[in-house]
C-alpha cells in the first residue's frame, strides 16, 4: 500500500491539515488585511501624486517669474536703450534711481525663485519618504497575500494583485 493515501492523510501517515474555509476567522482576518493594505497603498499613491502636482505647480510659478523678469528687462532696455542702461548700471547716468528700482525688482523676484526652489527641494525629499513608505506598504500587502493563500480556499481569494499608483 505504499503511495496510497490513508484515512489519516497522505502516504506515510502525516495528519491532514485543517480544512480551509472562507468563513474561518483566519481567512476573514487575512482578507480584511488585504483590503486595509490596498486602501493604504491607494492613499499613499494619492499623497505622492498630490506632492508631485505641487512640484509641477511651483515649477510653473518659477517659469512665470522668469517671464516677468525678462519682460521687466525688455521694457527697460526698450525704453532707455541698452547702452544707456549699461551706463546707468555703471553709475555714470543721472537715471540711477530707475536702475536701482530695476535691480531691486529683479532681486526680489530672484529671491522668490530661490525660495520656491527650496520649497520644491523639501517636497522632493517628502516624495522620497512617501515612496519608501509605499514600498513598505507593498511588502506588507504581499505578505498578507501569502497569508490569504495559506488561510483561504481559492474560491474566496478575490483580487490578490498588487495595486499600482
N, C-alpha and C. Protein backbone atom coordinates (compact mmCIF):
# COMPACT_ATOMS: atom_id res chain seq x y z
N UNK A 1 0.81 -1.20 0.00
CA UNK A 1 0.00 0.00 0.00
C UNK A 1 0.85 1.25 0.00
N UNK A 2 2.02 1.18 -0.36
CA UNK A 2 2.91 2.33 -0.40
C UNK A 2 2.43 3.30 -1.46
N UNK A 3 2.39 4.62 -1.12
CA UNK A 3 1.99 5.66 -2.06
C UNK A 3 0.50 5.86 -2.15
N UNK A 4 -0.29 5.11 -1.42
CA UNK A 4 -1.74 5.26 -1.45
C UNK A 4 -2.16 6.06 -0.23
N UNK A 5 -2.99 7.08 -0.42
CA UNK A 5 -3.42 7.87 0.73
C UNK A 5 -4.14 7.00 1.75
N UNK A 6 -3.93 7.31 3.00
CA UNK A 6 -4.60 6.59 4.08
C UNK A 6 -5.69 7.48 4.65
N UNK A 7 -6.60 6.96 5.44
CA UNK A 7 -7.65 7.81 6.03
C UNK A 7 -7.07 8.90 6.92
N UNK A 8 -5.85 8.73 7.38
CA UNK A 8 -5.25 9.74 8.27
C UNK A 8 -4.49 10.81 7.50
N UNK A 9 -4.50 10.79 6.19
CA UNK A 9 -3.79 11.82 5.45
C UNK A 9 -2.98 11.23 4.32
N UNK A 10 -1.93 11.92 3.90
CA UNK A 10 -1.12 11.47 2.77
C UNK A 10 -0.32 10.22 3.13
N UNK A 11 0.25 9.61 2.12
CA UNK A 11 1.04 8.41 2.39
C UNK A 11 2.13 8.72 3.42
N UNK A 12 2.36 7.81 4.26
CA UNK A 12 3.35 8.00 5.31
C UNK A 12 2.70 8.32 6.64
N UNK A 13 1.41 8.55 6.64
CA UNK A 13 0.69 8.73 7.88
C UNK A 13 0.71 10.13 8.47
N UNK A 14 1.12 11.15 7.71
CA UNK A 14 1.08 12.51 8.24
C UNK A 14 -0.37 12.94 8.43
N UNK A 15 -0.66 13.64 9.51
CA UNK A 15 -2.06 14.06 9.73
C UNK A 15 -2.45 15.13 8.71
N UNK A 16 -3.71 15.11 8.29
CA UNK A 16 -4.16 16.13 7.32
C UNK A 16 -4.19 17.51 7.98
N UNK A 17 -3.97 18.54 7.17
CA UNK A 17 -4.05 19.91 7.68
C UNK A 17 -5.50 20.29 7.88
N UNK A 18 -5.73 21.39 8.57
CA UNK A 18 -7.12 21.81 8.78
C UNK A 18 -7.76 22.19 7.44
N UNK A 19 -9.03 21.93 7.31
CA UNK A 19 -9.76 22.25 6.08
C UNK A 19 -9.88 23.77 5.98
N UNK A 20 -9.63 24.30 4.79
CA UNK A 20 -9.73 25.74 4.57
C UNK A 20 -11.18 26.12 4.38
N UNK A 21 -11.58 27.22 5.00
CA UNK A 21 -12.97 27.65 4.95
C UNK A 21 -13.00 29.17 4.80
N UNK A 22 -13.81 29.65 3.87
CA UNK A 22 -13.92 31.10 3.64
C UNK A 22 -14.47 31.84 4.86
N UNK A 23 -15.21 31.14 5.70
CA UNK A 23 -15.82 31.78 6.85
C UNK A 23 -14.99 31.66 8.12
N UNK A 24 -13.84 31.02 8.03
CA UNK A 24 -13.00 30.88 9.21
C UNK A 24 -12.46 32.26 9.62
N UNK A 25 -12.18 32.40 10.90
CA UNK A 25 -11.68 33.70 11.37
C UNK A 25 -10.32 34.01 10.75
N UNK A 26 -9.49 33.00 10.52
CA UNK A 26 -8.17 33.22 9.91
C UNK A 26 -8.33 33.74 8.48
N UNK A 27 -9.25 33.17 7.74
CA UNK A 27 -9.47 33.60 6.35
C UNK A 27 -10.06 35.00 6.31
N UNK A 28 -11.08 35.25 7.12
CA UNK A 28 -11.71 36.57 7.12
C UNK A 28 -10.72 37.64 7.56
N UNK A 29 -9.90 37.31 8.53
CA UNK A 29 -8.90 38.25 9.01
C UNK A 29 -7.85 38.55 7.93
N UNK A 30 -7.42 37.51 7.22
CA UNK A 30 -6.43 37.69 6.14
C UNK A 30 -7.02 38.51 5.00
N UNK A 31 -8.27 38.25 4.64
CA UNK A 31 -8.92 39.03 3.57
C UNK A 31 -9.11 40.48 3.98
N UNK A 32 -9.45 40.71 5.25
CA UNK A 32 -9.62 42.08 5.75
C UNK A 32 -8.28 42.82 5.71
N UNK A 33 -7.19 42.12 6.02
CA UNK A 33 -5.86 42.75 5.97
C UNK A 33 -5.53 43.18 4.54
N UNK A 34 -5.92 42.37 3.56
CA UNK A 34 -5.69 42.71 2.15
C UNK A 34 -6.43 44.00 1.79
N UNK A 35 -7.68 44.11 2.24
CA UNK A 35 -8.48 45.31 1.95
C UNK A 35 -7.82 46.53 2.59
N UNK A 36 -7.40 46.40 3.84
CA UNK A 36 -6.72 47.52 4.51
C UNK A 36 -5.44 47.90 3.78
N UNK A 37 -4.65 46.89 3.41
CA UNK A 37 -3.39 47.16 2.70
C UNK A 37 -3.66 47.88 1.38
N UNK A 38 -4.65 47.40 0.64
CA UNK A 38 -4.99 48.00 -0.66
C UNK A 38 -5.38 49.47 -0.46
N UNK A 39 -6.20 49.75 0.54
CA UNK A 39 -6.62 51.13 0.80
C UNK A 39 -5.44 52.00 1.21
N UNK A 40 -4.55 51.46 2.03
CA UNK A 40 -3.37 52.22 2.45
C UNK A 40 -2.45 52.53 1.26
N UNK A 41 -2.30 51.58 0.36
CA UNK A 41 -1.47 51.80 -0.83
C UNK A 41 -2.09 52.88 -1.72
N UNK A 42 -3.40 52.79 -1.93
CA UNK A 42 -4.08 53.78 -2.77
C UNK A 42 -3.96 55.17 -2.15
N UNK A 43 -4.09 55.25 -0.80
CA UNK A 43 -3.96 56.54 -0.13
C UNK A 43 -2.54 57.09 -0.26
N UNK A 44 -1.54 56.23 -0.12
CA UNK A 44 -0.15 56.67 -0.24
C UNK A 44 0.12 57.14 -1.67
N UNK A 45 -0.42 56.45 -2.66
CA UNK A 45 -0.25 56.89 -4.05
C UNK A 45 -0.86 58.27 -4.26
N UNK A 46 -2.02 58.51 -3.63
CA UNK A 46 -2.66 59.82 -3.76
C UNK A 46 -1.79 60.91 -3.13
N UNK A 47 -1.15 60.59 -2.00
CA UNK A 47 -0.26 61.57 -1.36
C UNK A 47 0.94 61.87 -2.26
N UNK A 48 1.49 60.85 -2.89
CA UNK A 48 2.62 61.05 -3.81
C UNK A 48 2.19 61.90 -4.99
N UNK A 49 1.02 61.59 -5.57
CA UNK A 49 0.53 62.35 -6.72
C UNK A 49 0.26 63.81 -6.35
N UNK A 50 -0.26 64.06 -5.16
CA UNK A 50 -0.51 65.42 -4.71
C UNK A 50 0.80 66.20 -4.56
N UNK A 51 1.79 65.56 -3.95
CA UNK A 51 3.09 66.22 -3.78
C UNK A 51 3.73 66.52 -5.13
N UNK A 52 3.61 65.57 -6.06
CA UNK A 52 4.17 65.81 -7.40
C UNK A 52 3.43 66.93 -8.12
N UNK A 53 2.14 67.05 -7.89
CA UNK A 53 1.37 68.14 -8.50
C UNK A 53 1.84 69.49 -7.95
N UNK A 54 2.16 69.55 -6.66
CA UNK A 54 2.68 70.79 -6.08
C UNK A 54 4.01 71.17 -6.70
N UNK A 55 4.87 70.18 -6.92
CA UNK A 55 6.16 70.47 -7.56
C UNK A 55 5.93 71.05 -8.95
N UNK A 56 5.04 70.45 -9.70
CA UNK A 56 4.73 70.94 -11.05
C UNK A 56 4.20 72.37 -11.00
N UNK A 57 3.31 72.64 -10.06
CA UNK A 57 2.74 73.98 -9.91
C UNK A 57 3.83 75.00 -9.59
N UNK A 58 4.70 74.66 -8.63
CA UNK A 58 5.75 75.60 -8.23
C UNK A 58 6.76 75.83 -9.36
N UNK A 59 7.06 74.79 -10.12
CA UNK A 59 7.95 74.98 -11.27
C UNK A 59 7.30 75.89 -12.31
N UNK A 60 6.00 75.78 -12.47
CA UNK A 60 5.29 76.68 -13.39
C UNK A 60 5.35 78.12 -12.88
N UNK A 61 5.21 78.29 -11.57
CA UNK A 61 5.29 79.63 -10.99
C UNK A 61 6.68 80.22 -11.22
N UNK A 62 7.70 79.41 -11.08
CA UNK A 62 9.06 79.89 -11.35
C UNK A 62 9.20 80.32 -12.81
N UNK A 63 8.61 79.57 -13.71
CA UNK A 63 8.63 79.95 -15.12
C UNK A 63 7.95 81.29 -15.36
N UNK A 64 6.84 81.52 -14.67
CA UNK A 64 6.14 82.80 -14.79
C UNK A 64 7.02 83.94 -14.26
N UNK A 65 7.68 83.71 -13.14
CA UNK A 65 8.53 84.75 -12.58
C UNK A 65 9.70 85.06 -13.52
N UNK A 66 10.30 84.03 -14.11
CA UNK A 66 11.35 84.28 -15.10
C UNK A 66 10.79 85.08 -16.28
N UNK A 67 9.58 84.80 -16.67
CA UNK A 67 8.95 85.57 -17.74
C UNK A 67 8.77 87.03 -17.35
N UNK A 68 8.36 87.26 -16.11
CA UNK A 68 8.21 88.64 -15.63
C UNK A 68 9.56 89.35 -15.61
N UNK A 69 10.58 88.64 -15.14
CA UNK A 69 11.93 89.24 -15.12
C UNK A 69 12.37 89.61 -16.53
N UNK A 70 12.14 88.74 -17.46
CA UNK A 70 12.51 89.01 -18.85
C UNK A 70 11.73 90.21 -19.39
N UNK A 71 10.44 90.29 -19.07
CA UNK A 71 9.62 91.41 -19.53
C UNK A 71 10.10 92.73 -18.92
N UNK A 72 10.46 92.69 -17.64
CA UNK A 72 10.95 93.92 -16.99
C UNK A 72 12.24 94.39 -17.65
N UNK A 73 13.15 93.47 -17.86
CA UNK A 73 14.41 93.83 -18.50
C UNK A 73 14.17 94.34 -19.93
N UNK A 74 13.29 93.67 -20.64
CA UNK A 74 12.99 94.09 -22.02
C UNK A 74 12.34 95.47 -22.03
N UNK A 75 11.47 95.72 -21.10
CA UNK A 75 10.80 97.02 -21.04
C UNK A 75 11.83 98.14 -20.82
N UNK A 76 12.70 97.92 -19.82
CA UNK A 76 13.69 98.96 -19.52
C UNK A 76 14.67 99.15 -20.68
N UNK A 77 15.11 98.08 -21.29
CA UNK A 77 16.06 98.24 -22.40
C UNK A 77 15.39 98.87 -23.61
N UNK A 78 14.10 98.62 -23.79
CA UNK A 78 13.38 99.23 -24.90
C UNK A 78 13.19 100.72 -24.66
N UNK A 79 12.90 101.08 -23.42
CA UNK A 79 12.62 102.48 -23.12
C UNK A 79 13.88 103.34 -23.09
N UNK A 80 14.95 102.83 -22.57
CA UNK A 80 16.11 103.70 -22.42
C UNK A 80 17.31 103.23 -23.23
N UNK A 81 17.19 102.13 -23.88
CA UNK A 81 18.27 101.66 -24.72
C UNK A 81 19.32 100.90 -23.93
N UNK A 82 19.89 99.93 -24.55
CA UNK A 82 20.87 99.07 -23.88
C UNK A 82 22.11 99.85 -23.47
N UNK A 83 22.60 100.72 -24.32
CA UNK A 83 23.82 101.47 -23.99
C UNK A 83 23.59 102.36 -22.78
N UNK A 84 22.45 103.03 -22.75
CA UNK A 84 22.15 103.89 -21.61
C UNK A 84 21.96 103.05 -20.35
N UNK A 85 21.30 101.89 -20.49
CA UNK A 85 21.09 101.01 -19.35
C UNK A 85 22.43 100.56 -18.76
N UNK A 86 23.37 100.22 -19.63
CA UNK A 86 24.70 99.81 -19.14
C UNK A 86 25.41 100.99 -18.46
N UNK A 87 25.23 102.17 -19.00
CA UNK A 87 25.83 103.36 -18.38
C UNK A 87 25.20 103.63 -17.02
N UNK A 88 23.92 103.42 -16.93
CA UNK A 88 23.22 103.64 -15.66
C UNK A 88 23.71 102.63 -14.62
N UNK A 89 23.83 101.37 -15.06
CA UNK A 89 24.31 100.32 -14.15
C UNK A 89 25.71 100.68 -13.66
N UNK A 90 26.52 101.22 -14.53
CA UNK A 90 27.88 101.62 -14.14
C UNK A 90 27.87 102.85 -13.24
N UNK A 91 26.74 103.51 -13.09
CA UNK A 91 26.63 104.66 -12.21
C UNK A 91 27.04 105.97 -12.84
N UNK A 92 27.08 106.03 -14.16
CA UNK A 92 27.52 107.25 -14.84
C UNK A 92 26.36 108.01 -15.45
N UNK A 93 25.16 107.72 -15.02
CA UNK A 93 23.99 108.38 -15.61
C UNK A 93 23.13 108.96 -14.50
N UNK A 94 22.39 110.01 -14.81
CA UNK A 94 21.52 110.61 -13.80
C UNK A 94 20.27 109.77 -13.49
N UNK A 95 20.05 108.73 -14.22
CA UNK A 95 18.85 107.92 -14.05
C UNK A 95 19.13 106.69 -13.17
N UNK A 96 20.07 106.80 -12.26
CA UNK A 96 20.47 105.63 -11.47
C UNK A 96 19.36 105.15 -10.54
N UNK A 97 18.46 106.05 -10.14
CA UNK A 97 17.35 105.61 -9.28
C UNK A 97 16.45 104.63 -10.03
N UNK A 98 16.28 104.86 -11.30
CA UNK A 98 15.47 103.95 -12.12
C UNK A 98 16.11 102.58 -12.19
N UNK A 99 17.43 102.56 -12.37
CA UNK A 99 18.14 101.29 -12.43
C UNK A 99 18.15 100.62 -11.06
N UNK A 100 18.27 101.42 -10.00
CA UNK A 100 18.21 100.85 -8.66
C UNK A 100 16.87 100.16 -8.44
N UNK A 101 15.80 100.78 -8.93
CA UNK A 101 14.48 100.16 -8.83
C UNK A 101 14.42 98.86 -9.63
N UNK A 102 15.01 98.90 -10.82
CA UNK A 102 15.05 97.70 -11.65
C UNK A 102 15.80 96.58 -10.94
N UNK A 103 16.95 96.90 -10.38
CA UNK A 103 17.76 95.90 -9.69
C UNK A 103 17.01 95.36 -8.47
N UNK A 104 16.32 96.25 -7.76
CA UNK A 104 15.54 95.82 -6.60
C UNK A 104 14.42 94.87 -7.02
N UNK A 105 13.72 95.21 -8.08
CA UNK A 105 12.65 94.33 -8.58
C UNK A 105 13.21 92.97 -8.97
N UNK A 106 14.31 92.98 -9.70
CA UNK A 106 14.90 91.71 -10.12
C UNK A 106 15.42 90.91 -8.92
N UNK A 107 15.97 91.58 -7.92
CA UNK A 107 16.46 90.89 -6.72
C UNK A 107 15.31 90.24 -5.95
N UNK A 108 14.19 90.97 -5.84
CA UNK A 108 13.02 90.41 -5.15
C UNK A 108 12.50 89.19 -5.90
N UNK A 109 12.39 89.31 -7.21
CA UNK A 109 11.91 88.17 -8.00
C UNK A 109 12.86 86.98 -7.91
N UNK A 110 14.15 87.25 -7.91
CA UNK A 110 15.13 86.17 -7.79
C UNK A 110 15.05 85.51 -6.42
N UNK A 111 14.83 86.31 -5.38
CA UNK A 111 14.71 85.71 -4.05
C UNK A 111 13.44 84.86 -3.94
N UNK A 112 12.38 85.26 -4.62
CA UNK A 112 11.16 84.44 -4.65
C UNK A 112 11.46 83.12 -5.35
N UNK A 113 12.19 83.18 -6.44
CA UNK A 113 12.56 81.96 -7.17
C UNK A 113 13.37 81.03 -6.27
N UNK A 114 14.34 81.57 -5.57
CA UNK A 114 15.18 80.75 -4.69
C UNK A 114 14.35 80.13 -3.56
N UNK A 115 13.40 80.89 -3.04
CA UNK A 115 12.52 80.37 -2.00
C UNK A 115 11.68 79.21 -2.55
N UNK A 116 11.13 79.39 -3.73
CA UNK A 116 10.33 78.33 -4.34
C UNK A 116 11.17 77.09 -4.63
N UNK A 117 12.40 77.28 -5.07
CA UNK A 117 13.29 76.13 -5.31
C UNK A 117 13.59 75.39 -4.00
N UNK A 118 13.72 76.12 -2.91
CA UNK A 118 13.94 75.49 -1.61
C UNK A 118 12.71 74.68 -1.19
N UNK A 119 11.55 75.24 -1.41
CA UNK A 119 10.31 74.52 -1.11
C UNK A 119 10.20 73.26 -1.96
N UNK A 120 10.54 73.37 -3.23
CA UNK A 120 10.50 72.21 -4.14
C UNK A 120 11.45 71.13 -3.65
N UNK A 121 12.64 71.52 -3.20
CA UNK A 121 13.60 70.54 -2.68
C UNK A 121 13.00 69.80 -1.48
N UNK A 122 12.35 70.54 -0.60
CA UNK A 122 11.69 69.90 0.55
C UNK A 122 10.60 68.95 0.14
N UNK A 123 9.81 69.33 -0.84
CA UNK A 123 8.74 68.46 -1.33
C UNK A 123 9.32 67.20 -1.97
N UNK A 124 10.41 67.36 -2.70
CA UNK A 124 11.04 66.19 -3.33
C UNK A 124 11.55 65.20 -2.27
N UNK A 125 12.09 65.72 -1.17
CA UNK A 125 12.52 64.84 -0.07
C UNK A 125 11.30 64.14 0.52
N UNK A 126 10.21 64.88 0.69
CA UNK A 126 8.97 64.30 1.19
C UNK A 126 8.46 63.20 0.26
N UNK A 127 8.57 63.41 -1.04
CA UNK A 127 8.15 62.38 -2.00
C UNK A 127 9.01 61.13 -1.84
N UNK A 128 10.30 61.29 -1.61
CA UNK A 128 11.16 60.12 -1.38
C UNK A 128 10.72 59.35 -0.14
N UNK A 129 10.36 60.06 0.91
CA UNK A 129 9.86 59.41 2.13
C UNK A 129 8.56 58.66 1.83
N UNK A 130 7.67 59.32 1.10
CA UNK A 130 6.39 58.68 0.73
C UNK A 130 6.62 57.42 -0.10
N UNK A 131 7.57 57.47 -1.03
CA UNK A 131 7.87 56.30 -1.86
C UNK A 131 8.42 55.15 -1.01
N UNK A 132 9.22 55.48 -0.02
CA UNK A 132 9.74 54.46 0.89
C UNK A 132 8.59 53.82 1.67
N UNK A 133 7.69 54.66 2.17
CA UNK A 133 6.52 54.16 2.89
C UNK A 133 5.65 53.31 1.98
N UNK A 134 5.53 53.73 0.72
CA UNK A 134 4.76 52.94 -0.25
C UNK A 134 5.39 51.56 -0.44
N UNK A 135 6.71 51.50 -0.52
CA UNK A 135 7.40 50.22 -0.66
C UNK A 135 7.12 49.31 0.53
N UNK A 136 7.11 49.89 1.74
CA UNK A 136 6.79 49.10 2.93
C UNK A 136 5.36 48.58 2.88
N UNK A 137 4.44 49.43 2.44
CA UNK A 137 3.04 49.01 2.33
C UNK A 137 2.88 47.90 1.28
N UNK A 138 3.61 48.01 0.18
CA UNK A 138 3.54 46.98 -0.85
C UNK A 138 4.09 45.65 -0.33
N UNK A 139 5.17 45.70 0.44
CA UNK A 139 5.71 44.48 1.04
C UNK A 139 4.72 43.86 2.02
N UNK A 140 4.04 44.71 2.80
CA UNK A 140 3.03 44.21 3.73
C UNK A 140 1.88 43.56 2.97
N UNK A 141 1.48 44.16 1.87
CA UNK A 141 0.42 43.60 1.03
C UNK A 141 0.81 42.20 0.55
N UNK A 142 2.03 42.07 0.03
CA UNK A 142 2.49 40.77 -0.47
C UNK A 142 2.55 39.74 0.65
N UNK A 143 2.95 40.16 1.83
CA UNK A 143 2.97 39.25 2.98
C UNK A 143 1.55 38.81 3.34
N UNK A 144 0.62 39.75 3.30
CA UNK A 144 -0.77 39.41 3.60
C UNK A 144 -1.40 38.55 2.51
N UNK A 145 -0.95 38.70 1.27
CA UNK A 145 -1.41 37.81 0.20
C UNK A 145 -1.00 36.37 0.51
N UNK A 146 0.23 36.19 0.98
CA UNK A 146 0.68 34.85 1.36
C UNK A 146 -0.20 34.29 2.47
N UNK A 147 -0.60 35.14 3.40
CA UNK A 147 -1.47 34.68 4.49
C UNK A 147 -2.84 34.27 3.96
N UNK A 148 -3.37 35.01 3.00
CA UNK A 148 -4.65 34.64 2.39
C UNK A 148 -4.52 33.30 1.69
N UNK A 149 -3.43 33.10 0.95
CA UNK A 149 -3.24 31.84 0.23
C UNK A 149 -3.12 30.66 1.18
N UNK A 150 -2.61 30.89 2.38
CA UNK A 150 -2.49 29.82 3.37
C UNK A 150 -3.80 29.58 4.12
N UNK A 151 -4.59 30.64 4.32
CA UNK A 151 -5.75 30.57 5.20
C UNK A 151 -7.08 30.38 4.49
N UNK A 152 -7.12 30.63 3.18
CA UNK A 152 -8.40 30.64 2.48
C UNK A 152 -8.35 29.71 1.26
N UNK A 153 -9.49 29.07 0.94
CA UNK A 153 -9.54 28.33 -0.32
C UNK A 153 -9.55 29.31 -1.49
N UNK A 154 -9.15 28.86 -2.64
CA UNK A 154 -9.04 29.75 -3.81
C UNK A 154 -10.37 30.37 -4.21
N UNK A 155 -11.47 29.77 -3.82
CA UNK A 155 -12.78 30.30 -4.20
C UNK A 155 -13.10 31.64 -3.54
N UNK A 156 -12.38 32.00 -2.49
CA UNK A 156 -12.69 33.27 -1.82
C UNK A 156 -11.51 34.23 -1.82
N UNK A 157 -10.53 34.00 -2.66
CA UNK A 157 -9.36 34.87 -2.71
C UNK A 157 -9.69 36.26 -3.25
N UNK A 158 -10.59 36.36 -4.18
CA UNK A 158 -10.88 37.63 -4.87
C UNK A 158 -9.63 38.14 -5.58
N UNK A 159 -9.41 39.45 -5.56
CA UNK A 159 -8.30 40.06 -6.29
C UNK A 159 -7.08 40.17 -5.37
N UNK A 160 -6.02 39.45 -5.68
CA UNK A 160 -4.81 39.49 -4.88
C UNK A 160 -3.67 40.21 -5.59
N UNK A 161 -4.01 40.98 -6.63
CA UNK A 161 -2.96 41.70 -7.36
C UNK A 161 -2.57 42.97 -6.60
N UNK A 162 -1.30 43.27 -6.67
CA UNK A 162 -0.75 44.46 -6.00
C UNK A 162 -1.28 45.72 -6.70
N UNK A 163 -1.89 46.65 -5.95
CA UNK A 163 -2.38 47.88 -6.58
C UNK A 163 -1.22 48.73 -7.10
N UNK A 164 -1.45 49.40 -8.21
CA UNK A 164 -0.42 50.26 -8.80
C UNK A 164 -0.83 51.71 -8.62
N UNK A 165 0.17 52.56 -8.57
CA UNK A 165 -0.10 54.01 -8.49
C UNK A 165 -0.45 54.53 -9.87
